[in-house]
């Protein structure tokens, strides 16, 4: 399975399935992989990439490389009890990457 994913993502994803994550009780494994090579409308500068926290949940985080860019982007916010935020990062004129996140008011971050 990992070979298939690696072959279909130009070797960008090599270890999707950990060796100990499947056992005799596993009945079905569905895998989908994509490798998209696009150019951001507003490019990220490699020198602006810095390590920072990626939040796994309300209390746990891991340090990962984070890309930074300062520009104007489209942000949509849905208020209310089940509110969420969406940020659009465009690739050219016809494709966009949409980041959707539940609003976490007490933490104040997207």
C-alpha atoms as a PDB file:
ATOM      1  CA  UNK A   1       0.000   0.000   0.000  1.00  0.00           C
ATOM      2  CA  UNK A   2       2.766   2.440   0.877  1.00  0.00           C
ATOM      3  CA  UNK A   3       4.501   1.671  -2.430  1.00  0.00           C
ATOM      4  CA  UNK A   4       1.279   2.494  -4.305  1.00  0.00           C
ATOM      5  CA  UNK A   5       0.886   5.788  -2.430  1.00  0.00           C
ATOM      6  CA  UNK A   6       4.542   6.667  -2.960  1.00  0.00           C
ATOM      7  CA  UNK A   7       4.287   5.924  -6.695  1.00  0.00           C
ATOM      8  CA  UNK A   8       1.118   8.016  -7.065  1.00  0.00           C
ATOM      9  CA  UNK A   9       2.417  11.038  -5.131  1.00  0.00           C
ATOM     10  CA  UNK A  10       5.790  11.384  -6.839  1.00  0.00           C
ATOM     11  CA  UNK A  11       7.421   9.977  -3.657  1.00  0.00           C
ATOM     12  CA  UNK A  12       6.059  12.871  -1.566  1.00  0.00           C
ATOM     13  CA  UNK A  13       4.098  10.511   0.736  1.00  0.00           C
ATOM     14  CA  UNK A  14       6.029   7.357   1.603  1.00  0.00           C
ATOM     15  CA  UNK A  15       4.691   6.041   4.916  1.00  0.00           C
ATOM     16  CA  UNK A  16       0.936   6.591   4.946  1.00  0.00           C
ATOM     17  CA  UNK A  17       0.179   3.260   6.648  1.00  0.00           C
ATOM     18  CA  UNK A  18       2.329   2.400   9.665  1.00  0.00           C
ATOM     19  CA  UNK A  19       3.472  -1.227   9.830  1.00  0.00           C
ATOM     20  CA  UNK A  20       1.734  -1.896  13.158  1.00  0.00           C
ATOM     21  CA  UNK A  21      -1.562  -0.169  12.267  1.00  0.00           C
ATOM     22  CA  UNK A  22      -3.102  -3.184  10.484  1.00  0.00           C
ATOM     23  CA  UNK A  23      -3.745  -6.624  11.936  1.00  0.00           C
ATOM     24  CA  UNK A  24      -5.804  -9.759  11.269  1.00  0.00           C
ATOM     25  CA  UNK A  25      -9.005  -7.951  12.256  1.00  0.00           C
ATOM     26  CA  UNK A  26      -8.588  -5.376   9.448  1.00  0.00           C
ATOM     27  CA  UNK A  27     -11.309  -6.011   6.870  1.00  0.00           C
ATOM     28  CA  UNK A  28     -10.882  -3.082   4.490  1.00  0.00           C
ATOM     29  CA  UNK A  29      -8.407  -0.300   3.844  1.00  0.00           C
ATOM     30  CA  UNK A  30      -9.397   2.566   1.552  1.00  0.00           C
ATOM     31  CA  UNK A  31      -6.578   4.745   0.296  1.00  0.00           C
ATOM     32  CA  UNK A  32      -6.741   7.876  -1.773  1.00  0.00           C
ATOM     33  CA  UNK A  33      -3.691   9.908  -2.727  1.00  0.00           C
ATOM     34  CA  UNK A  34      -3.093  12.980  -4.814  1.00  0.00           C
ATOM     35  CA  UNK A  35      -0.045  14.989  -5.739  1.00  0.00           C
ATOM     36  CA  UNK A  36      -0.933  18.492  -6.902  1.00  0.00           C
ATOM     37  CA  UNK A  37       1.844  20.737  -8.126  1.00  0.00           C
ATOM     38  CA  UNK A  38       0.416  24.218  -8.499  1.00  0.00           C
ATOM     39  CA  UNK A  39       1.752  27.728  -8.153  1.00  0.00           C
ATOM     40  CA  UNK A  40       0.285  29.970  -5.493  1.00  0.00           C
ATOM     41  CA  UNK A  41      -1.063  33.288  -6.788  1.00  0.00           C
ATOM     42  CA  UNK A  42       0.740  34.864  -3.815  1.00  0.00           C
ATOM     43  CA  UNK A  43       3.890  32.750  -3.381  1.00  0.00           C
ATOM     44  CA  UNK A  44       5.338  31.739  -0.031  1.00  0.00           C
ATOM     45  CA  UNK A  45       8.991  32.703   0.411  1.00  0.00           C
ATOM     46  CA  UNK A  46      11.065  29.722   1.643  1.00  0.00           C
ATOM     47  CA  UNK A  47      13.068  31.969   3.976  1.00  0.00           C
ATOM     48  CA  UNK A  48       9.832  32.952   5.763  1.00  0.00           C
ATOM     49  CA  UNK A  49       9.151  29.318   6.757  1.00  0.00           C
ATOM     50  CA  UNK A  50       9.568  28.905  10.522  1.00  0.00           C
ATOM     51  CA  UNK A  51       8.860  26.135  13.004  1.00  0.00           C
ATOM     52  CA  UNK A  52       5.683  26.645  14.989  1.00  0.00           C
ATOM     53  CA  UNK A  53       2.911  24.746  16.785  1.00  0.00           C
ATOM     54  CA  UNK A  54       0.402  22.668  14.804  1.00  0.00           C
ATOM     55  CA  UNK A  55      -2.548  21.969  17.100  1.00  0.00           C
ATOM     56  CA  UNK A  56      -3.754  18.358  17.190  1.00  0.00           C
ATOM     57  CA  UNK A  57      -6.598  19.242  19.556  1.00  0.00           C
ATOM     58  CA  UNK A  58      -7.395  21.792  22.265  1.00  0.00           C
ATOM     59  CA  UNK A  59      -4.329  20.978  24.365  1.00  0.00           C
ATOM     60  CA  UNK A  60      -1.796  19.060  22.261  1.00  0.00           C
ATOM     61  CA  UNK A  61       0.484  20.418  19.567  1.00  0.00           C
ATOM     62  CA  UNK A  62       3.574  19.393  17.625  1.00  0.00           C
ATOM     63  CA  UNK A  63       6.260  21.601  16.118  1.00  0.00           C
ATOM     64  CA  UNK A  64       6.191  21.662  12.299  1.00  0.00           C
ATOM     65  CA  UNK A  65       7.528  23.961   9.564  1.00  0.00           C
ATOM     66  CA  UNK A  66       4.895  26.661   8.891  1.00  0.00           C
ATOM     67  CA  UNK A  67       4.762  28.793   5.742  1.00  0.00           C
ATOM     68  CA  UNK A  68       4.090  32.497   6.260  1.00  0.00           C
ATOM     69  CA  UNK A  69       2.950  35.159   3.826  1.00  0.00           C
ATOM     70  CA  UNK A  70       1.547  38.631   4.388  1.00  0.00           C
ATOM     71  CA  UNK A  71      -1.089  39.676   1.859  1.00  0.00           C
ATOM     72  CA  UNK A  72      -4.837  40.146   1.494  1.00  0.00           C
ATOM     73  CA  UNK A  73      -6.846  36.923   1.244  1.00  0.00           C
ATOM     74  CA  UNK A  74     -10.559  36.192   1.237  1.00  0.00           C
ATOM     75  CA  UNK A  75     -11.804  35.145   4.691  1.00  0.00           C
ATOM     76  CA  UNK A  76     -15.357  34.027   5.397  1.00  0.00           C
ATOM     77  CA  UNK A  77     -16.673  33.621   8.931  1.00  0.00           C
ATOM     78  CA  UNK A  78     -19.945  31.973   9.920  1.00  0.00           C
ATOM     79  CA  UNK A  79     -21.069  33.149  13.342  1.00  0.00           C
ATOM     80  CA  UNK A  80     -23.196  31.258  15.803  1.00  0.00           C
ATOM     81  CA  UNK A  81     -22.864  28.266  18.055  1.00  0.00           C
ATOM     82  CA  UNK A  82     -21.459  26.019  15.306  1.00  0.00           C
ATOM     83  CA  UNK A  83     -19.455  28.792  13.653  1.00  0.00           C
ATOM     84  CA  UNK A  84     -16.493  28.215  11.403  1.00  0.00           C
ATOM     85  CA  UNK A  85     -13.948  30.175   9.381  1.00  0.00           C
ATOM     86  CA  UNK A  86     -12.746  29.616   5.836  1.00  0.00           C
ATOM     87  CA  UNK A  87      -9.628  31.046   4.240  1.00  0.00           C
ATOM     88  CA  UNK A  88      -9.105  30.975   0.475  1.00  0.00           C
ATOM     89  CA  UNK A  89      -5.569  30.688  -0.925  1.00  0.00           C
ATOM     90  CA  UNK A  90      -5.754  30.939  -4.736  1.00  0.00           C
ATOM     91  CA  UNK A  91      -3.699  29.062  -7.323  1.00  0.00           C
ATOM     92  CA  UNK A  92      -3.885  31.177 -10.468  1.00  0.00           C
ATOM     93  CA  UNK A  93      -7.397  32.264 -11.488  1.00  0.00           C
ATOM     94  CA  UNK A  94      -9.373  29.009 -11.534  1.00  0.00           C
ATOM     95  CA  UNK A  95      -8.307  26.904  -8.520  1.00  0.00           C
ATOM     96  CA  UNK A  96      -8.177  27.718  -4.812  1.00  0.00           C
ATOM     97  CA  UNK A  97      -7.129  25.912  -1.658  1.00  0.00           C
ATOM     98  CA  UNK A  98      -9.803  26.364   1.013  1.00  0.00           C
ATOM     99  CA  UNK A  99      -8.949  25.960   4.685  1.00  0.00           C
ATOM    100  CA  UNK A 100     -11.994  25.432   6.886  1.00  0.00           C
ATOM    101  CA  UNK A 101     -11.744  25.437  10.658  1.00  0.00           C
ATOM    102  CA  UNK A 102     -14.132  25.399  13.574  1.00  0.00           C
ATOM    103  CA  UNK A 103     -13.931  28.639  15.504  1.00  0.00           C
ATOM    104  CA  UNK A 104     -12.198  28.182  18.845  1.00  0.00           C
ATOM    105  CA  UNK A 105     -13.092  31.437  20.663  1.00  0.00           C
ATOM    106  CA  UNK A 106     -11.208  30.761  23.888  1.00  0.00           C
ATOM    107  CA  UNK A 107      -7.999  30.066  21.981  1.00  0.00           C
ATOM    108  CA  UNK A 108      -8.485  32.820  19.408  1.00  0.00           C
ATOM    109  CA  UNK A 109      -6.918  31.047  16.464  1.00  0.00           C
ATOM    110  CA  UNK A 110      -8.023  29.593  13.154  1.00  0.00           C
END
